[in-house]
Structures are given as C-alpha cells and as structure tokens.
Amino acid sequence: MGHHAQGGRVAVSYLYGPLTRLGLFVALIALLADQGIKLWLLYAYDLGTRGAVPVIPFFDLVLVWNKGISYGLFPQEAAFGQWLLLGVKTFAVIVMWIWLARANSKLIAVALGLIIGGALGNAVDRALHGAVVDYVLFKLTPLNIDFYWYVFNLADAAIVAGVALVLYDSVIGTDAAKAP
C-alpha cells in the first residue's frame, strides 16, 4: 500500500497518503495522553474513592463510567450494546483514516489525527472497562449559576478540537477561500 504512479501523477492508496504519518502521529499522542491520564486517575490517584475533587472553582475531577456515547446519550448496559458502540467507533476510525489518506493540508491531517486518537482512546476504555472513563466536570456554580457541564475526558476534548479544526478549515481554510 502506498503511492502508485499513474500517467505522471502519484495516486494515493486508501490507507496511506502524503500526510497520513502526521495524522497518525497526532492520533498516537492523543491516544497515549488520554490513556495515560485515565490510568493515573484510576490506579495511582484512585479517583474512584475520592468523590468529586475540586481543582479550581470552575473545574472538578469526578469519576463517571459513561456507558453511552457523547453526553451519555444512548446508554448501553448489555454486552451487545457495548460491542455495537465499539463497532460504530471502529467504523468511524476507518472512515477518518481513509479521509486522512486523502488529506491535502496539515491542518486537516492534525484535525483527523485528533479525532482518530480520541475515538481510539474511548474505544480502548469501552473494550477494557465496558464504559468510557470520564473525569472532567466544568461548572458555573462559582457564579451562583446552578449549571454543570457534562463530564468528559481528554479523548472527548481531542475529538471536539478535531471537529472544530475541520469546520474552521471548511469555512476559513485555503480550500474554502478557493471555492467559487
């Protein structure tokens, strides 16, 4: 798998293109950082026995086992549902990887790497624990507003950042500027 010459042009394979290495490096960093933090919080810091740990007035560490997808939607208690969600994530990673092989800008490669790394981080949790390890809680209670954001993790933040970069590129990026 690689590049194949076609009439003086270099064709990109389905799984590898000129920016695939960059995207996969970003994915690996996101995955390792996500899993490293989760392992430390679970086994070294033992967050599960500490309850909510205030870090700063707007941010607590709290352990939540998310059996659903983002925002806890579609919770799946049964093994079949958990494996189905894992399958959906696996399919999404394959689609993102194919898109990465066709990426024509470093920004898109980094964005897709963040999405892939985040998705893999949460998939590892689902495979190992049957749920995603969430631990970040933002809240507005210091402003006397009774509002708590959903509990999330670094993998979720990587996915959101990657999607934001893809959107930025599609609206403001160089290809968007060239669009008629």
Protein backbone atom coordinates (compact mmCIF):
# COMPACT_ATOMS: atom_id res chain seq x y z
CA MET A 1 0.00 0.00 0.00
CA GLY A 2 1.46 3.31 -0.89
CA HIS A 3 1.67 5.57 -3.85
CA HIS A 4 1.25 4.25 -7.36
CA ALA A 5 2.35 6.18 -10.43
CA GLN A 6 -0.42 6.82 -12.94
CA GLY A 7 0.44 8.85 -16.00
CA GLY A 8 2.99 11.04 -14.21
CA ARG A 9 0.75 11.52 -11.13
CA VAL A 10 1.10 9.84 -7.80
CA ALA A 11 -2.08 8.08 -6.71
CA VAL A 12 -2.79 7.82 -3.01
CA SER A 13 -3.80 4.47 -1.58
CA TYR A 14 -6.92 4.12 0.50
CA LEU A 15 -4.93 3.93 3.74
CA TYR A 16 -1.81 5.98 3.18
CA GLY A 17 -1.20 9.40 1.71
CA PRO A 18 1.37 12.17 1.99
CA LEU A 19 0.05 13.44 5.35
CA THR A 20 -1.00 10.12 6.90
CA ARG A 21 2.15 9.88 9.02
CA LEU A 22 1.48 13.32 10.56
CA GLY A 23 -2.15 12.48 11.30
CA LEU A 24 -1.28 9.11 12.81
CA PHE A 25 1.45 10.69 14.96
CA VAL A 26 -1.11 13.18 16.33
CA ALA A 27 -3.56 10.29 16.87
CA LEU A 28 -0.91 8.33 18.78
CA ILE A 29 -0.06 11.33 21.01
CA ALA A 30 -3.77 11.95 21.73
CA LEU A 31 -4.36 8.24 22.48
CA LEU A 32 -1.31 7.91 24.76
CA ALA A 33 -2.06 11.14 26.64
CA ASP A 34 -5.71 10.14 27.09
CA GLN A 35 -4.93 6.64 28.31
CA GLY A 36 -2.03 7.81 30.48
CA ILE A 37 -4.23 10.33 32.30
CA LYS A 38 -7.02 7.78 32.73
CA LEU A 39 -4.69 5.09 34.07
CA TRP A 40 -3.12 7.55 36.51
CA LEU A 41 -6.51 8.83 37.72
CA LEU A 42 -7.90 5.29 38.13
CA TYR A 43 -4.97 3.42 39.63
CA ALA A 44 -2.41 5.88 41.04
CA TYR A 45 -4.62 8.74 42.21
CA ASP A 46 -7.60 6.40 42.87
CA LEU A 47 -10.19 8.96 41.80
CA GLY A 48 -13.00 6.43 42.30
CA THR A 49 -12.63 6.54 46.09
CA ARG A 50 -12.20 10.32 46.35
CA GLY A 51 -15.57 11.51 45.04
CA ALA A 52 -15.57 15.00 43.48
CA VAL A 53 -12.14 16.63 43.79
CA PRO A 54 -12.21 20.43 43.38
CA VAL A 55 -9.28 21.64 41.25
CA ILE A 56 -10.28 25.27 40.66
CA PRO A 57 -13.66 26.92 41.33
CA PHE A 58 -14.98 26.05 37.84
CA PHE A 59 -13.45 22.59 37.47
CA ASP A 60 -13.68 19.33 39.45
CA LEU A 61 -12.31 15.86 38.88
CA VAL A 62 -15.04 13.25 39.29
CA LEU A 63 -15.14 9.66 38.06
CA VAL A 64 -18.07 8.76 35.80
CA TRP A 65 -18.37 5.50 33.89
CA ASN A 66 -20.09 6.51 30.65
CA LYS A 67 -21.87 3.52 29.11
CA GLY A 68 -23.32 5.62 26.28
CA ILE A 69 -21.84 7.84 23.63
CA SER A 70 -21.06 11.54 23.93
CA TYR A 71 -23.03 13.35 26.61
CA GLY A 72 -24.10 9.94 27.95
CA LEU A 73 -26.62 9.52 25.12
CA PHE A 74 -27.85 6.03 24.25
CA PRO A 75 -26.50 4.27 27.38
CA GLN A 76 -25.84 0.59 26.81
CA GLU A 77 -25.78 -1.74 29.81
CA ALA A 78 -25.85 -5.04 27.88
CA ALA A 79 -22.70 -6.52 26.34
CA PHE A 80 -24.29 -6.47 22.87
CA GLY A 81 -24.93 -2.71 23.09
CA GLN A 82 -21.38 -2.08 24.31
CA TRP A 83 -19.92 -4.09 21.43
CA LEU A 84 -22.24 -2.34 18.99
CA LEU A 85 -20.95 1.07 20.16
CA LEU A 86 -17.38 -0.24 19.86
CA GLY A 87 -18.17 -1.35 16.30
CA VAL A 88 -19.57 2.08 15.42
CA LYS A 89 -16.41 3.73 16.77
CA THR A 90 -14.24 1.30 14.82
CA PHE A 91 -16.13 2.10 11.62
CA ALA A 92 -15.73 5.84 12.30
CA VAL A 93 -11.97 5.43 12.79
CA ILE A 94 -11.68 3.55 9.47
CA VAL A 95 -13.61 6.30 7.67
CA MET A 96 -11.43 9.01 9.29
CA TRP A 97 -8.27 7.10 8.36
CA ILE A 98 -9.38 6.86 4.70
CA TRP A 99 -10.12 10.61 4.77
CA LEU A 100 -6.67 11.17 6.31
CA ALA A 101 -5.04 9.28 3.41
CA ARG A 102 -6.59 11.89 1.09
CA ALA A 103 -5.85 14.93 3.29
CA ASN A 104 -4.29 17.79 1.37
CA SER A 105 -3.41 20.10 4.27
CA LYS A 106 -1.51 19.69 7.51
CA LEU A 107 -4.42 21.28 9.38
CA ILE A 108 -6.82 18.58 8.20
CA ALA A 109 -4.25 15.86 8.95
CA VAL A 110 -3.87 17.17 12.53
CA ALA A 111 -7.65 17.52 12.90
CA LEU A 112 -8.30 13.97 11.72
CA GLY A 113 -5.46 12.71 13.92
CA LEU A 114 -7.14 14.30 16.95
CA ILE A 115 -10.48 12.71 16.04
CA ILE A 116 -8.93 9.28 15.43
CA GLY A 117 -6.85 9.42 18.63
CA GLY A 118 -9.84 10.50 20.70
CA ALA A 119 -12.08 7.83 19.23
CA LEU A 120 -9.44 5.17 19.85
CA GLY A 121 -8.95 6.37 23.43
CA ASN A 122 -12.63 5.97 24.20
CA ALA A 123 -12.77 2.65 22.29
CA VAL A 124 -9.94 1.29 24.44
CA ASP A 125 -11.95 2.23 27.55
CA ARG A 126 -15.05 0.52 26.21
CA ALA A 127 -13.08 -2.65 25.37
CA LEU A 128 -11.25 -2.75 28.73
CA HIS A 129 -13.89 -1.46 31.14
CA GLY A 130 -17.21 -1.79 29.31
CA ALA A 131 -17.61 2.00 29.65
CA VAL A 132 -15.72 5.18 28.89
CA VAL A 133 -13.77 6.76 31.76
CA ASP A 134 -14.93 10.39 32.11
CA TYR A 135 -13.46 12.69 34.76
CA VAL A 136 -13.60 16.41 33.85
CA LEU A 137 -16.52 18.43 35.23
CA PHE A 138 -16.89 22.12 34.40
CA LYS A 139 -19.44 24.06 36.41
CA LEU A 140 -20.73 27.61 36.79
CA THR A 141 -21.66 27.37 40.46
CA PRO A 142 -18.96 29.92 41.48
CA LEU A 143 -21.03 32.48 39.52
CA ASN A 144 -24.12 31.48 41.50
CA ILE A 145 -25.45 29.71 38.41
CA ASP A 146 -26.60 26.15 39.06
CA PHE A 147 -25.09 24.72 35.86
CA TYR A 148 -22.86 21.67 35.45
CA TRP A 149 -21.41 20.75 32.06
CA TYR A 150 -21.38 17.06 31.21
CA VAL A 151 -18.43 15.04 32.49
CA PHE A 152 -15.90 14.33 29.76
CA ASN A 153 -12.27 13.31 29.19
CA LEU A 154 -9.21 14.21 27.12
CA ALA A 155 -10.33 11.93 24.26
CA ASP A 156 -13.62 13.84 24.04
CA ALA A 157 -11.72 17.15 24.04
CA ALA A 158 -9.45 15.86 21.23
CA ILE A 159 -12.49 14.87 19.15
CA VAL A 160 -14.15 18.26 19.69
CA ALA A 161 -10.90 20.09 18.83
CA GLY A 162 -10.50 17.98 15.68
CA VAL A 163 -14.06 18.65 14.55
CA ALA A 164 -13.58 22.38 15.25
CA LEU A 165 -10.43 22.39 13.08
CA VAL A 166 -12.24 20.58 10.25
CA LEU A 167 -15.06 23.15 10.45
CA TYR A 168 -12.55 26.01 10.57
CA ASP A 169 -10.79 24.64 7.50
CA SER A 170 -14.05 24.18 5.61
CA VAL A 171 -15.21 27.75 6.34
CA ILE A 172 -12.00 29.77 6.51
CA GLY A 173 -9.23 27.48 5.23
CA THR A 174 -7.40 27.82 1.95
CA ASP A 175 -9.72 25.41 0.11
CA ALA A 176 -12.77 27.34 1.31
CA ALA A 177 -11.22 30.56 0.01
CA LYS A 178 -10.76 28.96 -3.43
CA ALA A 179 -14.35 27.71 -3.62
CA PRO A 180 -16.50 29.55 -6.18
